Amino acid sequence: MHVLVKQAIMPRVHGLALKTTVAAVRVNALLCLGDMVHTLDKPAVLEILQTIQCCTAVDRSAPTLMCTLGVANSILKKNGIEFVAEHVLPLLMPLLIAQQLNVQQFAKYMAFVKEILRRTPTMEDFSDFIEDMELMVDFQLVVVVCDYTWIKGDRTNAASRIDRILVSKEWDDSFRKIK
């Protein structure tokens, strides 16, 4: 079955996702790829990520972006946190500034990214190191007379949404060991 999926079905689904100009066809192809992740090996999953990268380069509509997040979740369940941190996060990060996502969709993206960062062994090791060494990182972000913390005055909705996540109690709760 795995060989059939990889040799016969996958190329057709990749072709549908990449060659169509109809958003609904692309979305359904991405949904299909997400459903197939659990049967595939890592090289095949990397091919899916390449297809997604090509799709999101030409189509950053909310349905395509949310399908991308769905595929990312499937990959996380199948391949684990380190694979996702290495291969999926670099694909997702540029999509965070897409204007097409509404607040709820953006929050889902940010929740996924923050969960990956929180569970990444390097971040866990860093937090443990800070705690073990009894080091305190004195970091206080004060936003004064400016709208955004890092965009240098760019007044876009995406910048505003990212700032609300970065300067949030939830972010602090995720990294509470670093004080």
C-alpha atoms as a PDB file:
ATOM      1  CA  MET A   1       0.000   0.000   0.000  1.00  0.00           C
ATOM      2  CA  HIS A   2       2.792   2.415   0.950  1.00  0.00           C
ATOM      3  CA  VAL A   3       4.531   1.873  -2.396  1.00  0.00           C
ATOM      4  CA  LEU A   4       1.272   2.419  -4.292  1.00  0.00           C
ATOM      5  CA  VAL A   5       0.596   5.654  -2.440  1.00  0.00           C
ATOM      6  CA  LYS A   6       4.135   6.921  -2.973  1.00  0.00           C
ATOM      7  CA  GLN A   7       4.496   5.944  -6.647  1.00  0.00           C
ATOM      8  CA  ALA A   8       1.008   6.329  -8.088  1.00  0.00           C
ATOM      9  CA  ILE A   9      -1.110   8.603  -5.940  1.00  0.00           C
ATOM     10  CA  MET A  10       1.384  11.119  -4.531  1.00  0.00           C
ATOM     11  CA  PRO A  11       2.668  12.410  -7.893  1.00  0.00           C
ATOM     12  CA  ARG A  12      -0.898  13.040  -9.067  1.00  0.00           C
ATOM     13  CA  VAL A  13      -1.866  14.868  -5.896  1.00  0.00           C
ATOM     14  CA  HIS A  14       1.331  16.942  -6.032  1.00  0.00           C
ATOM     15  CA  GLY A  15       0.498  17.780  -9.654  1.00  0.00           C
ATOM     16  CA  LEU A  16      -3.028  18.828  -8.752  1.00  0.00           C
ATOM     17  CA  ALA A  17      -1.795  21.095  -5.985  1.00  0.00           C
ATOM     18  CA  LEU A  18       0.900  22.713  -8.125  1.00  0.00           C
ATOM     19  CA  LYS A  19      -0.683  22.995 -11.562  1.00  0.00           C
ATOM     20  CA  THR A  20      -4.204  24.145 -10.807  1.00  0.00           C
ATOM     21  CA  THR A  21      -5.405  27.717 -10.853  1.00  0.00           C
ATOM     22  CA  VAL A  22      -8.572  26.784  -8.964  1.00  0.00           C
ATOM     23  CA  ALA A  23      -8.212  27.412  -5.241  1.00  0.00           C
ATOM     24  CA  ALA A  24     -10.712  24.696  -4.271  1.00  0.00           C
ATOM     25  CA  VAL A  25      -8.713  22.065  -6.167  1.00  0.00           C
ATOM     26  CA  ARG A  26      -5.484  23.205  -4.475  1.00  0.00           C
ATOM     27  CA  VAL A  27      -7.120  23.109  -1.046  1.00  0.00           C
ATOM     28  CA  ASN A  28      -8.499  19.615  -1.614  1.00  0.00           C
ATOM     29  CA  ALA A  29      -5.109  18.415  -2.855  1.00  0.00           C
ATOM     30  CA  LEU A  30      -3.467  19.815   0.290  1.00  0.00           C
ATOM     31  CA  LEU A  31      -6.106  18.143   2.455  1.00  0.00           C
ATOM     32  CA  CYS A  32      -5.364  14.878   0.678  1.00  0.00           C
ATOM     33  CA  LEU A  33      -1.626  15.300   1.284  1.00  0.00           C
ATOM     34  CA  GLY A  34      -2.325  15.929   4.953  1.00  0.00           C
ATOM     35  CA  ASP A  35      -4.390  12.751   5.151  1.00  0.00           C
ATOM     36  CA  MET A  36      -1.577  10.730   3.574  1.00  0.00           C
ATOM     37  CA  VAL A  37       1.189  11.927   5.910  1.00  0.00           C
ATOM     38  CA  HIS A  38       0.641   9.102   8.405  1.00  0.00           C
ATOM     39  CA  THR A  39       1.473   6.489   5.729  1.00  0.00           C
ATOM     40  CA  LEU A  40       4.617   8.162   4.384  1.00  0.00           C
ATOM     41  CA  ASP A  41       8.308   8.096   5.212  1.00  0.00           C
ATOM     42  CA  LYS A  42      10.332  11.248   5.912  1.00  0.00           C
ATOM     43  CA  PRO A  43      11.572  11.797   2.331  1.00  0.00           C
ATOM     44  CA  ALA A  44       7.971  11.727   1.089  1.00  0.00           C
ATOM     45  CA  VAL A  45       6.969  14.180   3.821  1.00  0.00           C
ATOM     46  CA  LEU A  46       9.783  16.487   2.687  1.00  0.00           C
ATOM     47  CA  GLU A  47       8.301  16.336  -0.832  1.00  0.00           C
ATOM     48  CA  ILE A  48       4.967  17.416   0.626  1.00  0.00           C
ATOM     49  CA  LEU A  49       6.690  20.364   2.295  1.00  0.00           C
ATOM     50  CA  GLN A  50       8.235  21.374  -1.045  1.00  0.00           C
ATOM     51  CA  THR A  51       4.798  21.239  -2.642  1.00  0.00           C
ATOM     52  CA  ILE A  52       3.354  23.373   0.143  1.00  0.00           C
ATOM     53  CA  GLN A  53       6.168  25.881  -0.250  1.00  0.00           C
ATOM     54  CA  CYS A  54       5.404  26.195  -3.966  1.00  0.00           C
ATOM     55  CA  CYS A  55       1.663  26.491  -3.302  1.00  0.00           C
ATOM     56  CA  THR A  56       2.016  29.181  -0.643  1.00  0.00           C
ATOM     57  CA  ALA A  57       4.382  31.131  -2.884  1.00  0.00           C
ATOM     58  CA  VAL A  58       1.521  31.710  -5.333  1.00  0.00           C
ATOM     59  CA  ASP A  59      -1.528  31.402  -3.070  1.00  0.00           C
ATOM     60  CA  ARG A  60      -1.655  32.834   0.422  1.00  0.00           C
ATOM     61  CA  SER A  61      -5.408  32.662   0.773  1.00  0.00           C
ATOM     62  CA  ALA A  62      -6.775  31.695   4.168  1.00  0.00           C
ATOM     63  CA  PRO A  63      -7.984  28.238   3.042  1.00  0.00           C
ATOM     64  CA  THR A  64      -4.552  27.358   1.629  1.00  0.00           C
ATOM     65  CA  LEU A  65      -2.792  28.631   4.736  1.00  0.00           C
ATOM     66  CA  MET A  66      -5.104  26.748   7.074  1.00  0.00           C
ATOM     67  CA  CYS A  67      -4.607  23.542   5.052  1.00  0.00           C
ATOM     68  CA  THR A  68      -0.880  24.124   5.421  1.00  0.00           C
ATOM     69  CA  LEU A  69      -1.325  24.298   9.180  1.00  0.00           C
ATOM     70  CA  GLY A  70      -3.372  21.097   9.084  1.00  0.00           C
ATOM     71  CA  VAL A  71      -0.605  19.310   7.201  1.00  0.00           C
ATOM     72  CA  ALA A  72       1.900  20.653   9.741  1.00  0.00           C
ATOM     73  CA  ASN A  73      -0.184  19.152  12.559  1.00  0.00           C
ATOM     74  CA  SER A  74      -0.277  15.798  10.762  1.00  0.00           C
ATOM     75  CA  ILE A  75       3.487  15.912  10.304  1.00  0.00           C
ATOM     76  CA  LEU A  76       3.937  16.688  14.003  1.00  0.00           C
ATOM     77  CA  LYS A  77       1.862  13.652  14.984  1.00  0.00           C
ATOM     78  CA  LYS A  78       3.775  11.357  12.620  1.00  0.00           C
ATOM     79  CA  ASN A  79       7.362  12.646  12.755  1.00  0.00           C
ATOM     80  CA  GLY A  80       7.706  14.437  16.074  1.00  0.00           C
ATOM     81  CA  ILE A  81       8.830  17.752  17.423  1.00  0.00           C
ATOM     82  CA  GLU A  82      12.420  17.831  16.186  1.00  0.00           C
ATOM     83  CA  PHE A  83      11.445  17.086  12.579  1.00  0.00           C
ATOM     84  CA  VAL A  84       8.804  19.816  12.683  1.00  0.00           C
ATOM     85  CA  ALA A  85      11.175  22.327  14.288  1.00  0.00           C
ATOM     86  CA  GLU A  86      13.775  21.656  11.613  1.00  0.00           C
ATOM     87  CA  HIS A  87      11.624  21.344   8.500  1.00  0.00           C
ATOM     88  CA  VAL A  88       8.142  22.772   9.112  1.00  0.00           C
ATOM     89  CA  LEU A  89       8.779  25.918  11.173  1.00  0.00           C
ATOM     90  CA  PRO A  90      10.973  27.512   8.482  1.00  0.00           C
ATOM     91  CA  LEU A  91       8.066  27.033   6.087  1.00  0.00           C
ATOM     92  CA  LEU A  92       5.439  28.426   8.461  1.00  0.00           C
ATOM     93  CA  MET A  93       7.247  31.477   9.833  1.00  0.00           C
ATOM     94  CA  PRO A  94       6.949  33.648   6.692  1.00  0.00           C
ATOM     95  CA  LEU A  95       3.240  32.806   6.527  1.00  0.00           C
ATOM     96  CA  LEU A  96       2.629  34.512   9.873  1.00  0.00           C
ATOM     97  CA  ILE A  97       2.590  37.909   8.201  1.00  0.00           C
ATOM     98  CA  ALA A  98      -0.036  36.925   5.634  1.00  0.00           C
ATOM     99  CA  GLN A  99      -2.789  39.527   5.647  1.00  0.00           C
ATOM    100  CA  GLN A 100      -5.429  36.977   4.660  1.00  0.00           C
ATOM    101  CA  LEU A 101      -5.688  35.274   8.054  1.00  0.00           C
ATOM    102  CA  ASN A 102      -8.363  36.488  10.434  1.00  0.00           C
ATOM    103  CA  VAL A 103      -7.636  36.824  14.136  1.00  0.00           C
ATOM    104  CA  GLN A 104      -8.763  33.289  15.016  1.00  0.00           C
ATOM    105  CA  GLN A 105      -6.747  31.733  12.186  1.00  0.00           C
ATOM    106  CA  PHE A 106      -3.687  33.755  13.109  1.00  0.00           C
ATOM    107  CA  ALA A 107      -4.086  32.665  16.732  1.00  0.00           C
ATOM    108  CA  LYS A 108      -4.099  29.012  15.616  1.00  0.00           C
ATOM    109  CA  TYR A 109      -0.879  29.567  13.676  1.00  0.00           C
ATOM    110  CA  MET A 110       0.773  31.291  16.625  1.00  0.00           C
ATOM    111  CA  ALA A 111      -0.408  28.620  19.058  1.00  0.00           C
ATOM    112  CA  PHE A 112       1.161  25.933  16.859  1.00  0.00           C
ATOM    113  CA  VAL A 113       4.457  27.818  16.525  1.00  0.00           C
ATOM    114  CA  LYS A 114       4.616  28.580  20.238  1.00  0.00           C
ATOM    115  CA  GLU A 115       3.871  24.952  21.128  1.00  0.00           C
ATOM    116  CA  ILE A 116       6.690  23.759  18.871  1.00  0.00           C
ATOM    117  CA  LEU A 117       9.088  26.278  20.390  1.00  0.00           C
ATOM    118  CA  ARG A 118       8.017  25.334  23.903  1.00  0.00           C
ATOM    119  CA  ARG A 119       8.488  21.608  23.281  1.00  0.00           C
ATOM    120  CA  THR A 120      11.737  21.866  21.346  1.00  0.00           C
ATOM    121  CA  PRO A 121      14.454  20.088  23.353  1.00  0.00           C
ATOM    122  CA  THR A 122      16.840  23.014  22.968  1.00  0.00           C
ATOM    123  CA  MET A 123      14.349  25.411  24.565  1.00  0.00           C
ATOM    124  CA  GLU A 124      13.602  22.921  27.335  1.00  0.00           C
ATOM    125  CA  ASP A 125      17.341  22.499  27.949  1.00  0.00           C
ATOM    126  CA  PHE A 126      17.811  26.267  27.975  1.00  0.00           C
ATOM    127  CA  SER A 127      14.988  26.745  30.467  1.00  0.00           C
ATOM    128  CA  ASP A 128      16.400  23.974  32.665  1.00  0.00           C
ATOM    129  CA  PHE A 129      19.867  25.540  32.468  1.00  0.00           C
ATOM    130  CA  ILE A 130      18.505  28.929  33.555  1.00  0.00           C
ATOM    131  CA  GLU A 131      16.691  27.289  36.449  1.00  0.00           C
ATOM    132  CA  ASP A 132      19.631  25.062  37.486  1.00  0.00           C
ATOM    133  CA  MET A 133      22.116  27.907  37.454  1.00  0.00           C
ATOM    134  CA  GLU A 134      19.635  30.166  39.232  1.00  0.00           C
ATOM    135  CA  LEU A 135      20.203  32.750  36.578  1.00  0.00           C
ATOM    136  CA  MET A 136      17.702  35.474  36.179  1.00  0.00           C
ATOM    137  CA  VAL A 137      17.179  37.183  32.884  1.00  0.00           C
ATOM    138  CA  ASP A 138      15.883  40.629  33.667  1.00  0.00           C
ATOM    139  CA  PHE A 139      13.805  41.466  30.639  1.00  0.00           C
ATOM    140  CA  GLN A 140      11.101  44.029  30.758  1.00  0.00           C
ATOM    141  CA  LEU A 141       9.467  45.176  27.563  1.00  0.00           C
ATOM    142  CA  VAL A 142       8.092  48.652  27.803  1.00  0.00           C
ATOM    143  CA  VAL A 143       6.101  49.920  24.865  1.00  0.00           C
ATOM    144  CA  VAL A 144       6.131  53.690  24.958  1.00  0.00           C
ATOM    145  CA  VAL A 145       5.032  56.168  22.285  1.00  0.00           C
ATOM    146  CA  CYS A 146       5.071  53.612  19.506  1.00  0.00           C
ATOM    147  CA  ASP A 147       2.532  51.309  17.974  1.00  0.00           C
ATOM    148  CA  TYR A 148       4.730  48.299  17.387  1.00  0.00           C
ATOM    149  CA  THR A 149       7.583  46.713  19.230  1.00  0.00           C
ATOM    150  CA  TRP A 150       9.709  45.551  16.299  1.00  0.00           C
ATOM    151  CA  ILE A 151       8.337  46.672  12.952  1.00  0.00           C
ATOM    152  CA  LYS A 152       9.738  50.218  13.167  1.00  0.00           C
ATOM    153  CA  GLY A 153       6.465  52.016  12.684  1.00  0.00           C
ATOM    154  CA  ASP A 154       5.007  49.796   9.978  1.00  0.00           C
ATOM    155  CA  ARG A 155       1.266  50.058  10.497  1.00  0.00           C
ATOM    156  CA  THR A 156       0.092  46.714   9.168  1.00  0.00           C
ATOM    157  CA  ASN A 157      -2.469  44.382  10.673  1.00  0.00           C
ATOM    158  CA  ALA A 158       0.044  41.534  10.649  1.00  0.00           C
ATOM    159  CA  ALA A 159       2.552  43.550  12.670  1.00  0.00           C
ATOM    160  CA  SER A 160      -0.107  44.451  15.177  1.00  0.00           C
ATOM    161  CA  ARG A 161      -1.196  40.825  15.543  1.00  0.00           C
ATOM    162  CA  ILE A 162       2.363  39.579  16.005  1.00  0.00           C
ATOM    163  CA  ASP A 163       3.003  42.257  18.631  1.00  0.00           C
ATOM    164  CA  ARG A 164      -0.106  41.219  20.555  1.00  0.00           C
ATOM    165  CA  ILE A 165       1.203  37.662  20.715  1.00  0.00           C
ATOM    166  CA  LEU A 166       4.783  38.593  21.613  1.00  0.00           C
ATOM    167  CA  VAL A 167       3.690  40.970  24.337  1.00  0.00           C
ATOM    168  CA  SER A 168       1.147  38.684  25.925  1.00  0.00           C
ATOM    169  CA  LYS A 169       0.682  36.935  29.226  1.00  0.00           C
ATOM    170  CA  GLU A 170       0.331  33.632  27.368  1.00  0.00           C
ATOM    171  CA  TRP A 171       3.837  34.041  25.905  1.00  0.00           C
ATOM    172  CA  ASP A 172       5.171  34.783  29.391  1.00  0.00           C
ATOM    173  CA  ASP A 173       3.403  31.712  30.765  1.00  0.00           C
ATOM    174  CA  SER A 174       4.978  29.522  28.088  1.00  0.00           C
ATOM    175  CA  PHE A 175       8.460  30.651  29.079  1.00  0.00           C
ATOM    176  CA  ARG A 176       7.934  31.243  32.794  1.00  0.00           C
ATOM    177  CA  LYS A 177      11.204  29.600  33.812  1.00  0.00           C
ATOM    178  CA  ILE A 178      13.078  32.461  32.162  1.00  0.00           C
ATOM    179  CA  LYS A 179      12.537  35.405  34.470  1.00  0.00           C
END
